[in-house]
Amino acid sequence: MYTVTNPATGELLNEIPNAADEEVRAAIDRVHRGYRAWRARPVAERAAVVLRAAELFAERADELAGTMTLEMGKRINEGRGEVGVVVDIFRYYGERGPDLLADEPLPIRGGEAVLTKEPIGALLGVMPWNFPCYQVARFVAPNLVLGNTILLKHASICPRSASAIEAVLRDAGVPEDAYVNVWASSRQVPWMLADPRLAGVSLTGSEQAGIAVAAEAGRNLKRCVLELGGSDPLIVLDTDDLDETVRTTATARMRNCGQSCNAPKRIIVLDELYEEFTDRFAKRVTEYYVPGDPANPSTTLPPLASVAAAEEVAAQIETAIASGATLRAGGHRVPGPGAYVEATVLTDVTREMAAYHEEIFGPVALLFRASSESEAVALANDTPFGLGASVFSADRARAARVARGIEAGMVYVNKSGGSEADLPFGGIKRSGMGRELGALGIEEFMNKKPIRL
């Protein structure tokens, strides 16, 4: 069942039954049949449609942001910001796509060859709830320009976002059989992946979901891109402005109520700054992040996406404290019907605790002390995840040197995470495989076909 429950109030807004198996098979057939016609259209035409989608996303930003607020509790201003990134992504691929797909000469011994770049077929997208528009955009925009067709299974709490996205694409000129939204259930995904009419799958979700999808994709020889969980480190080496570093770091951790895979979940501070940084960080979190209505632009701390999510985060906090962690701010569920958890800061978390190893998907920051650069890097790398990381220093060369030692798919200097249309995004280790966005993002479901002349 696809269900919309306002996480700020607990009010049930609407329900949509899961599609029957025959409906799902019919949807697969549609994108399979639509592939030949869509790939046959000149790349300039496909790019023009994607550019038009960028315009429509911009025009409907308020509507889309409001939908996300109702479905998963996103702050209205963050929702508008998310749609802004969506516009950038569609515009980037609409403008750059034809150049990215141009043939490339291949220098070979004794002759000539050219590398052509072609689509591979109909693809399945399994999308999450935490960024209902952005996650779809980074999968869909490059593949529509490339000439692949899309079958989209969105998160079960985001059906309104799913419908709104499909409406934008349809109004932009994407044919009915080139992009199809389907109300499939998680139970149906394994046999969907076994269907030979689908050529690949992109999933953004939990580690366990990624393991299941990767197993089915491998069993059926399907290409896959996985963006999974993260326990991203943020290292503070030094700073010329401690208050600004504290503010920037807290903002990064509490963005989207902490429900971001590449948010800095482990903040590692060198000894000489640790005590003062921790005091100011806890003060900032306590005073600034106050629970409120996510539809109100002045709200700083929205609810989590569901009561179940709030209960899980609260249980993780309680377990950490019971295991010996020190609570420096927050730590409790907020009384009332909504899915609110106080913004929380924990210190003294050790390797023996579950909180050291697991991802806490909510407004919870873990602060660690390191005595040296090498200890900070070792602590940063002591995780099964490897999505992103950040290094803060007034000395950019120092930060860049430390960044090279971090085991992650992407590292940011003096900023945290975020997303840029032209910058590749993706992780290593148990954070997934493949890259999205930028020039690399259009290559994952591409047939790079050399032609020997």
Protein backbone atom coordinates (compact mmCIF):
# COMPACT_ATOMS: atom_id res chain seq x y z
CA MET A 1 0.00 0.00 0.00
CA TYR A 2 1.21 3.50 -0.86
CA THR A 3 0.21 5.68 2.08
CA VAL A 4 0.51 9.41 2.74
CA THR A 5 0.60 10.20 6.46
CA ASN A 6 1.54 13.72 7.48
CA PRO A 7 4.49 13.10 9.86
CA ALA A 8 3.96 16.46 11.57
CA THR A 9 0.42 15.57 12.69
CA GLY A 10 -0.03 11.85 12.19
CA GLU A 11 -3.01 12.50 9.89
CA LEU A 12 -3.67 9.87 7.21
CA LEU A 13 -4.17 11.74 3.94
CA ASN A 14 -4.64 9.04 1.32
CA GLU A 15 -3.88 5.46 0.32
CA ILE A 16 -3.16 3.81 -3.03
CA PRO A 17 -3.28 0.02 -3.40
CA ASN A 18 -0.22 -1.75 -4.75
CA ALA A 19 -0.37 -2.68 -8.41
CA ALA A 20 -1.36 -6.25 -9.21
CA ASP A 21 1.28 -8.44 -10.80
CA GLU A 22 -0.37 -8.18 -14.21
CA GLU A 23 -0.33 -4.38 -13.98
CA VAL A 24 3.38 -4.41 -13.22
CA ARG A 25 4.07 -6.75 -16.14
CA ALA A 26 2.07 -4.45 -18.41
CA ALA A 27 4.14 -1.47 -17.22
CA ILE A 28 7.36 -3.37 -17.99
CA ASP A 29 6.03 -4.14 -21.45
CA ARG A 30 5.23 -0.47 -22.04
CA VAL A 31 8.76 0.80 -21.33
CA HIS A 32 10.23 -2.14 -23.25
CA ARG A 33 8.16 -1.35 -26.33
CA GLY A 34 8.71 2.38 -25.91
CA TYR A 35 12.48 1.99 -25.92
CA ARG A 36 12.90 1.52 -29.66
CA ALA A 37 10.95 4.67 -30.52
CA TRP A 38 12.60 6.81 -27.83
CA ARG A 39 16.18 5.79 -28.67
CA ALA A 40 15.48 6.39 -32.36
CA ARG A 41 14.76 10.07 -31.75
CA PRO A 42 17.80 12.32 -32.33
CA VAL A 43 19.72 13.11 -29.16
CA ALA A 44 19.03 16.81 -29.70
CA GLU A 45 15.28 16.13 -29.48
CA ARG A 46 15.64 14.06 -26.33
CA ALA A 47 17.81 16.78 -24.79
CA ALA A 48 15.23 19.44 -25.69
CA VAL A 49 12.56 17.47 -23.83
CA VAL A 50 14.80 17.24 -20.76
CA LEU A 51 15.45 20.99 -20.95
CA ARG A 52 11.72 21.61 -21.06
CA ALA A 53 11.33 19.43 -17.97
CA ALA A 54 13.84 21.69 -16.18
CA GLU A 55 11.62 24.68 -16.95
CA LEU A 56 8.50 22.93 -15.67
CA PHE A 57 10.19 21.78 -12.47
CA ALA A 58 11.16 25.40 -11.84
CA GLU A 59 7.60 26.58 -12.49
CA ARG A 60 6.13 23.99 -10.11
CA ALA A 61 8.72 24.33 -7.34
CA ASP A 62 6.25 25.48 -4.69
CA GLU A 63 3.79 22.70 -5.49
CA LEU A 64 6.49 20.03 -5.38
CA ALA A 65 8.00 21.38 -2.17
CA GLY A 66 4.59 21.42 -0.50
CA THR A 67 4.01 17.83 -1.52
CA MET A 68 7.29 16.72 0.02
CA THR A 69 6.43 18.56 3.22
CA LEU A 70 3.13 16.70 3.52
CA GLU A 71 4.55 13.29 2.63
CA MET A 72 7.84 13.07 4.51
CA GLY A 73 8.00 16.23 6.62
CA LYS A 74 10.68 18.11 4.70
CA ARG A 75 11.02 21.77 5.67
CA ILE A 76 9.33 23.85 2.98
CA ASN A 77 12.48 25.88 2.29
CA GLU A 78 14.56 22.72 1.96
CA GLY A 79 11.94 21.37 -0.43
CA ARG A 80 12.29 24.44 -2.63
CA GLY A 81 16.05 24.03 -2.48
CA GLU A 82 15.74 20.38 -3.51
CA VAL A 83 13.67 21.31 -6.55
CA GLY A 84 16.33 23.87 -7.43
CA VAL A 85 18.90 21.08 -7.60
CA VAL A 86 16.50 19.05 -9.75
CA VAL A 87 16.25 21.96 -12.17
CA ASP A 88 20.05 22.17 -12.32
CA ILE A 89 20.34 18.44 -13.06
CA PHE A 90 17.79 18.44 -15.87
CA ARG A 91 19.30 21.60 -17.31
CA TYR A 92 22.83 20.19 -17.14
CA TYR A 93 21.96 17.03 -19.05
CA GLY A 94 19.69 18.87 -21.44
CA GLU A 95 22.50 21.28 -22.32
CA ARG A 96 25.53 19.02 -22.04
CA GLY A 97 23.98 15.71 -23.11
CA PRO A 98 24.63 15.98 -26.85
CA ASP A 99 28.32 16.72 -26.24
CA LEU A 100 28.64 13.94 -23.66
CA LEU A 101 27.15 11.47 -26.17
CA ALA A 102 29.25 12.54 -29.13
CA ASP A 103 31.41 9.89 -30.81
CA GLU A 104 35.04 9.82 -29.70
CA PRO A 105 37.97 8.91 -31.98
CA LEU A 106 39.94 5.94 -30.66
CA PRO A 107 43.62 5.97 -31.56
CA ILE A 108 44.61 2.38 -32.34
CA ARG A 109 47.59 0.77 -33.98
CA GLY A 110 47.26 0.18 -37.70
CA GLY A 111 43.94 1.83 -38.36
CA GLU A 112 41.06 3.91 -37.09
CA ALA A 113 38.21 3.38 -34.66
CA VAL A 114 35.47 5.42 -33.06
CA LEU A 115 33.75 4.97 -29.69
CA THR A 116 29.99 5.34 -29.97
CA LYS A 117 27.73 5.89 -26.95
CA GLU A 118 24.37 4.19 -27.03
CA PRO A 119 21.54 3.30 -24.62
CA ILE A 120 20.95 -0.26 -23.45
CA GLY A 121 17.18 -0.51 -22.92
CA ALA A 122 14.44 -0.13 -20.34
CA LEU A 123 15.63 0.50 -16.77
CA LEU A 124 14.05 0.09 -13.34
CA GLY A 125 14.48 2.82 -10.75
CA VAL A 126 13.77 2.04 -7.08
CA MET A 127 13.72 5.36 -5.29
CA PRO A 128 13.75 6.45 -1.61
CA TRP A 129 11.64 8.85 0.39
CA ASN A 130 14.25 11.21 1.87
CA PHE A 131 14.77 13.27 -1.32
CA PRO A 132 11.65 12.41 -3.34
CA CYS A 133 12.47 14.61 -6.36
CA TYR A 134 16.26 14.86 -6.37
CA GLN A 135 16.94 11.13 -6.24
CA VAL A 136 14.65 10.57 -9.22
CA ALA A 137 16.23 13.42 -11.17
CA ARG A 138 19.79 12.17 -10.97
CA PHE A 139 18.73 8.77 -12.35
CA VAL A 140 16.14 9.89 -14.89
CA ALA A 141 17.63 13.00 -16.53
CA PRO A 142 20.83 11.43 -17.93
CA ASN A 143 19.12 8.24 -19.01
CA LEU A 144 16.34 10.00 -20.87
CA VAL A 145 18.93 12.02 -22.80
CA LEU A 146 20.93 8.85 -23.46
CA GLY A 147 17.83 7.13 -24.87
CA ASN A 148 16.97 4.61 -22.19
CA THR A 149 13.38 4.33 -20.96
CA ILE A 150 12.39 4.32 -17.29
CA LEU A 151 10.09 2.28 -15.08
CA LEU A 152 9.95 4.09 -11.74
CA LYS A 153 9.00 2.52 -8.42
CA HIS A 154 8.97 5.28 -5.83
CA ALA A 155 8.93 4.94 -2.04
CA SER A 156 5.64 3.82 -0.56
CA ILE A 157 5.20 7.07 1.42
CA CYS A 158 5.75 9.35 -1.60
CA PRO A 159 3.00 8.60 -4.13
CA ARG A 160 2.06 12.26 -4.58
CA SER A 161 5.65 13.16 -5.44
CA ALA A 162 5.78 10.22 -7.84
CA SER A 163 2.64 11.38 -9.63
CA ALA A 164 3.81 15.01 -9.75
CA ILE A 165 7.15 14.02 -11.28
CA GLU A 166 5.44 11.89 -13.92
CA ALA A 167 3.14 14.81 -14.75
CA VAL A 168 6.10 17.16 -15.25
CA LEU A 169 7.84 14.73 -17.56
CA ARG A 170 4.68 14.04 -19.55
CA ASP A 171 3.99 17.76 -19.96
CA ALA A 172 7.59 18.27 -21.05
CA GLY A 173 7.10 15.84 -23.91
CA VAL A 174 8.38 12.53 -22.56
CA PRO A 175 6.25 9.86 -24.29
CA GLU A 176 3.87 7.76 -22.21
CA ASP A 177 5.95 4.64 -22.86
CA ALA A 178 9.33 6.26 -22.18
CA TYR A 179 8.66 6.99 -18.49
CA VAL A 180 6.14 5.00 -16.47
CA ASN A 181 5.39 5.29 -12.76
CA VAL A 182 4.24 2.00 -11.23
CA TRP A 183 2.73 1.31 -7.79
CA ALA A 184 4.84 -1.81 -7.33
CA SER A 185 5.61 -3.34 -3.96
CA SER A 186 9.03 -4.38 -2.67
CA ARG A 187 7.84 -7.97 -2.95
CA GLN A 188 7.51 -7.59 -6.72
CA VAL A 189 10.99 -6.14 -7.31
CA PRO A 190 12.89 -9.48 -7.44
CA TRP A 191 10.80 -10.93 -10.27
CA MET A 192 10.80 -7.56 -12.01
CA LEU A 193 14.60 -7.76 -12.10
CA ALA A 194 14.38 -11.25 -13.53
CA ASP A 195 12.30 -10.01 -16.46
CA PRO A 196 14.52 -9.94 -19.59
CA ARG A 197 12.72 -6.82 -20.84
CA LEU A 198 14.52 -4.73 -18.18
CA ALA A 199 18.21 -4.07 -18.82
CA GLY A 200 19.30 -2.58 -15.51
CA VAL A 201 18.34 -1.15 -12.14
CA SER A 202 19.25 1.88 -10.05
CA LEU A 203 18.45 1.81 -6.35
CA THR A 204 18.92 4.40 -3.65
CA GLY A 205 18.07 2.97 -0.27
CA SER A 206 19.26 1.01 2.70
CA GLU A 207 22.23 -1.32 2.82
CA GLN A 208 19.93 -4.34 3.12
CA ALA A 209 17.85 -3.24 0.13
CA GLY A 210 21.06 -2.80 -1.85
CA ILE A 211 22.24 -6.30 -0.99
CA ALA A 212 18.94 -7.78 -2.13
CA VAL A 213 18.83 -5.81 -5.38
CA ALA A 214 22.50 -6.48 -6.19
CA ALA A 215 21.95 -10.21 -5.66
CA GLU A 216 19.00 -10.28 -8.05
CA ALA A 217 20.77 -8.07 -10.58
CA GLY A 218 23.81 -10.33 -10.52
CA ARG A 219 21.73 -13.47 -10.76
CA ASN A 220 20.03 -12.06 -13.85
CA LEU A 221 23.10 -10.33 -15.36
CA LYS A 222 21.64 -6.84 -15.05
CA ARG A 223 23.65 -3.68 -14.65
CA CYS A 224 23.03 -1.90 -11.37
CA VAL A 225 23.86 1.34 -9.62
CA LEU A 226 23.50 1.41 -5.84
CA GLU A 227 23.58 4.43 -3.54
CA LEU A 228 23.21 3.08 -0.02
CA GLY A 229 23.84 4.20 3.53
CA GLY A 230 26.66 6.29 4.89
CA SER A 231 28.38 7.21 8.11
CA ASP A 232 30.27 10.12 6.68
CA PRO A 233 33.12 11.65 8.69
CA LEU A 234 33.75 15.37 8.93
CA ILE A 235 37.25 16.27 10.15
CA VAL A 236 37.96 19.67 11.69
CA LEU A 237 41.72 20.26 11.57
CA ASP A 238 41.76 23.99 12.36
CA THR A 239 39.72 27.09 11.71
CA ASP A 240 39.99 30.87 11.50
CA ASP A 241 36.35 31.23 12.56
CA LEU A 242 35.16 28.64 15.06
CA ASP A 243 31.59 29.93 15.26
CA GLU A 244 31.21 29.74 11.48
CA THR A 245 32.67 26.22 11.39
CA VAL A 246 30.28 25.14 14.14
CA ARG A 247 27.32 26.69 12.33
CA THR A 248 28.27 25.12 8.99
CA THR A 249 28.84 21.72 10.56
CA ALA A 250 25.59 21.74 12.51
CA THR A 251 23.66 22.83 9.42
CA ALA A 252 25.16 19.98 7.42
CA ARG A 253 24.30 17.38 10.04
CA MET A 254 20.76 18.58 10.67
CA ARG A 255 19.87 19.11 7.00
CA ASN A 256 16.72 17.17 6.09
CA CYS A 257 16.34 16.37 9.80
CA GLY A 258 19.49 14.26 9.56
CA GLN A 259 17.92 11.98 6.97
CA SER A 260 20.62 12.27 4.35
CA CYS A 261 22.96 9.43 3.39
CA ASN A 262 25.90 11.77 2.85
CA ALA A 263 25.37 14.00 5.87
CA PRO A 264 28.36 14.22 8.27
CA LYS A 265 27.29 11.77 10.96
CA ARG A 266 30.69 11.53 12.70
CA ILE A 267 32.41 14.84 13.48
CA ILE A 268 36.09 14.38 14.29
CA VAL A 269 37.87 17.34 15.89
CA LEU A 270 41.57 17.69 16.72
CA ASP A 271 42.49 17.95 20.42
CA GLU A 272 43.29 21.65 20.50
CA LEU A 273 39.79 22.56 19.29
CA TYR A 274 37.72 19.68 20.65
CA GLU A 275 36.44 21.03 23.98
CA GLU A 276 35.50 24.47 22.72
CA PHE A 277 34.06 23.11 19.49
CA THR A 278 31.92 20.59 21.40
CA ASP A 279 30.60 23.20 23.82
CA ARG A 280 29.63 25.57 21.03
CA PHE A 281 28.22 22.81 18.85
CA ALA A 282 25.96 21.52 21.64
CA LYS A 283 24.85 25.08 22.40
CA ARG A 284 24.05 25.73 18.74
CA VAL A 285 22.05 22.51 18.41
CA THR A 286 20.09 23.15 21.62
CA GLU A 287 19.22 26.78 20.91
CA TYR A 288 18.70 26.82 17.16
CA TYR A 289 17.00 23.52 16.28
CA VAL A 290 13.50 23.81 17.69
CA PRO A 291 10.69 21.43 16.58
CA GLY A 292 7.98 23.05 14.52
CA ASP A 293 5.62 22.84 11.57
CA PRO A 294 7.70 22.00 8.45
CA ALA A 295 5.31 24.08 6.32
CA ASN A 296 6.34 27.19 8.28
CA PRO A 297 9.47 28.74 6.71
CA SER A 298 10.79 29.73 10.15
CA THR A 299 10.86 26.14 11.44
CA THR A 300 14.37 24.79 12.04
CA LEU A 301 13.65 21.19 13.10
CA PRO A 302 10.93 19.27 11.21
CA PRO A 303 9.63 15.79 12.04
CA LEU A 304 11.26 12.65 10.77
CA ALA A 305 9.53 10.94 7.88
CA SER A 306 7.43 8.62 10.06
CA VAL A 307 6.70 7.67 13.63
CA ALA A 308 8.51 4.37 13.03
CA ALA A 309 11.63 6.28 11.96
CA ALA A 310 11.42 8.51 15.03
CA GLU A 311 11.07 5.52 17.32
CA GLU A 312 14.08 3.83 15.75
CA VAL A 313 16.29 6.90 16.15
CA ALA A 314 15.15 7.39 19.76
CA ALA A 315 15.98 3.75 20.50
CA GLN A 316 19.47 4.15 18.99
CA ILE A 317 20.08 7.19 21.21
CA GLU A 318 18.91 5.33 24.32
CA THR A 319 21.11 2.34 23.52
CA ALA A 320 24.16 4.56 23.04
CA ILE A 321 23.61 6.33 26.36
CA ALA A 322 23.03 3.04 28.16
CA SER A 323 26.31 1.79 26.67
CA GLY A 324 28.27 4.73 28.09
CA ALA A 325 27.96 7.56 25.57
CA THR A 326 27.61 11.08 26.98
CA LEU A 327 24.50 13.05 26.07
CA ARG A 328 25.44 16.68 25.39
CA ALA A 329 22.15 17.90 23.86
CA GLY A 330 18.64 16.65 23.11
CA GLY A 331 18.16 12.90 23.24
CA HIS A 332 14.38 12.48 23.48
CA ARG A 333 11.21 12.05 21.47
CA VAL A 334 9.10 15.19 21.45
CA PRO A 335 5.67 14.57 23.05
CA GLY A 336 2.71 14.74 20.70
CA PRO A 337 1.34 13.05 17.60
CA GLY A 338 4.18 13.96 15.23
CA ALA A 339 7.39 12.08 14.41
CA TYR A 340 9.70 14.51 16.20
CA VAL A 341 13.04 13.77 17.88
CA GLU A 342 15.14 16.46 19.56
CA ALA A 343 18.35 17.48 17.84
CA THR A 344 20.93 15.41 19.69
CA VAL A 345 24.67 15.46 20.35
CA LEU A 346 26.57 12.44 21.70
CA THR A 347 30.21 12.22 22.74
CA ASP A 348 32.42 9.45 24.19
CA VAL A 349 31.14 6.88 21.70
CA THR A 350 33.55 3.94 21.55
CA ARG A 351 34.10 1.02 19.16
CA GLU A 352 32.27 -1.30 21.54
CA MET A 353 29.02 0.58 21.04
CA ALA A 354 26.50 -0.06 18.25
CA ALA A 355 26.33 3.69 17.57
CA TYR A 356 29.99 3.65 16.49
CA HIS A 357 29.29 1.30 13.59
CA GLU A 358 25.68 1.91 12.53
CA GLU A 359 24.07 4.73 10.61
CA ILE A 360 21.76 6.91 12.71
CA PHE A 361 19.31 8.34 10.18
CA GLY A 362 18.06 11.32 12.10
CA PRO A 363 19.10 14.56 13.85
CA VAL A 364 21.94 13.01 15.85
CA ALA A 365 25.61 14.10 15.73
CA LEU A 366 28.45 12.01 17.15
CA LEU A 367 31.55 14.00 18.14
CA PHE A 368 35.00 12.40 18.38
CA ARG A 369 38.39 13.64 19.55
CA ALA A 370 41.61 12.97 17.61
CA SER A 371 45.18 13.76 18.70
CA SER A 372 46.65 14.09 15.20
CA GLU A 373 45.87 14.15 11.49
CA SER A 374 46.77 10.48 11.19
CA GLU A 375 44.48 9.52 14.06
CA ALA A 376 41.65 11.57 12.54
CA VAL A 377 42.06 9.80 9.19
CA ALA A 378 42.20 6.38 10.86
CA LEU A 379 39.00 7.17 12.75
CA ALA A 380 37.35 8.46 9.59
CA ASN A 381 38.19 5.23 7.77
CA ASP A 382 37.09 2.94 10.62
CA THR A 383 33.65 2.27 9.18
CA PRO A 384 32.06 -0.24 6.80
CA PHE A 385 30.63 2.69 4.82
CA GLY A 386 32.38 4.91 2.29
CA LEU A 387 30.00 7.41 0.76
CA GLY A 388 31.37 10.90 1.39
CA ALA A 389 33.58 12.86 3.76
CA SER A 390 34.58 16.43 4.57
CA VAL A 391 37.75 18.13 5.79
CA PHE A 392 37.77 21.63 7.28
CA SER A 393 40.93 23.72 7.56
CA ALA A 394 42.02 27.30 6.94
CA ASP A 395 44.92 25.72 5.03
CA ARG A 396 43.38 24.27 1.86
CA ALA A 397 46.56 22.40 0.97
CA ARG A 398 46.51 20.71 4.38
CA ALA A 399 42.86 19.81 3.95
CA ALA A 400 43.47 18.41 0.46
CA ARG A 401 46.37 16.30 1.74
CA VAL A 402 44.23 14.82 4.49
CA ALA A 403 41.34 14.31 2.05
CA ARG A 404 43.51 12.02 -0.09
CA GLY A 405 43.87 9.62 2.82
CA ILE A 406 40.14 9.18 3.40
CA GLU A 407 38.44 6.06 2.02
CA ALA A 408 35.27 7.47 0.48
CA GLY A 409 33.64 7.94 -2.89
CA MET A 410 33.87 11.74 -2.63
CA VAL A 411 35.50 14.26 -0.29
CA TYR A 412 34.66 17.94 0.16
CA VAL A 413 37.00 20.63 1.49
CA ASN A 414 35.52 23.30 3.74
CA LYS A 415 31.98 22.28 2.88
CA SER A 416 29.87 19.25 3.58
CA GLY A 417 28.19 16.99 1.12
CA GLY A 418 25.48 18.52 -0.93
CA SER A 419 25.03 17.79 -4.61
CA GLU A 420 26.11 19.49 -7.82
CA ALA A 421 24.77 18.54 -11.23
CA ASP A 422 28.23 18.37 -12.82
CA LEU A 423 30.04 16.64 -9.93
CA PRO A 424 29.96 12.80 -9.84
CA PHE A 425 28.21 11.32 -6.79
CA GLY A 426 28.65 7.83 -5.34
CA GLY A 427 30.36 5.68 -2.76
CA ILE A 428 32.59 2.70 -2.08
CA LYS A 429 32.60 -0.15 0.44
CA ARG A 430 29.09 -0.81 1.77
CA SER A 431 27.81 2.55 0.56
CA GLY A 432 27.22 1.21 -2.93
CA MET A 433 28.63 1.14 -6.43
CA GLY A 434 28.49 3.26 -9.54
CA ARG A 435 28.37 7.00 -10.06
CA GLU A 436 25.56 9.45 -10.73
CA LEU A 437 25.64 13.06 -11.93
CA GLY A 438 28.29 14.77 -14.01
CA ALA A 439 29.85 13.22 -17.08
CA LEU A 440 30.19 9.86 -15.30
CA GLY A 441 26.49 9.72 -14.45
CA ILE A 442 25.38 9.27 -18.05
CA GLU A 443 27.77 6.33 -18.59
CA GLU A 444 26.46 3.75 -16.10
CA PHE A 445 23.71 2.42 -18.38
CA MET A 446 25.53 3.13 -21.62
CA ASN A 447 26.80 0.80 -24.34
CA LYS A 448 30.25 2.18 -25.14
CA LYS A 449 30.54 0.55 -28.53
CA PRO A 450 33.79 0.81 -30.50
CA ILE A 451 33.48 0.68 -34.27
CA ARG A 452 36.66 -0.39 -36.10
CA LEU A 453 36.89 1.57 -39.35
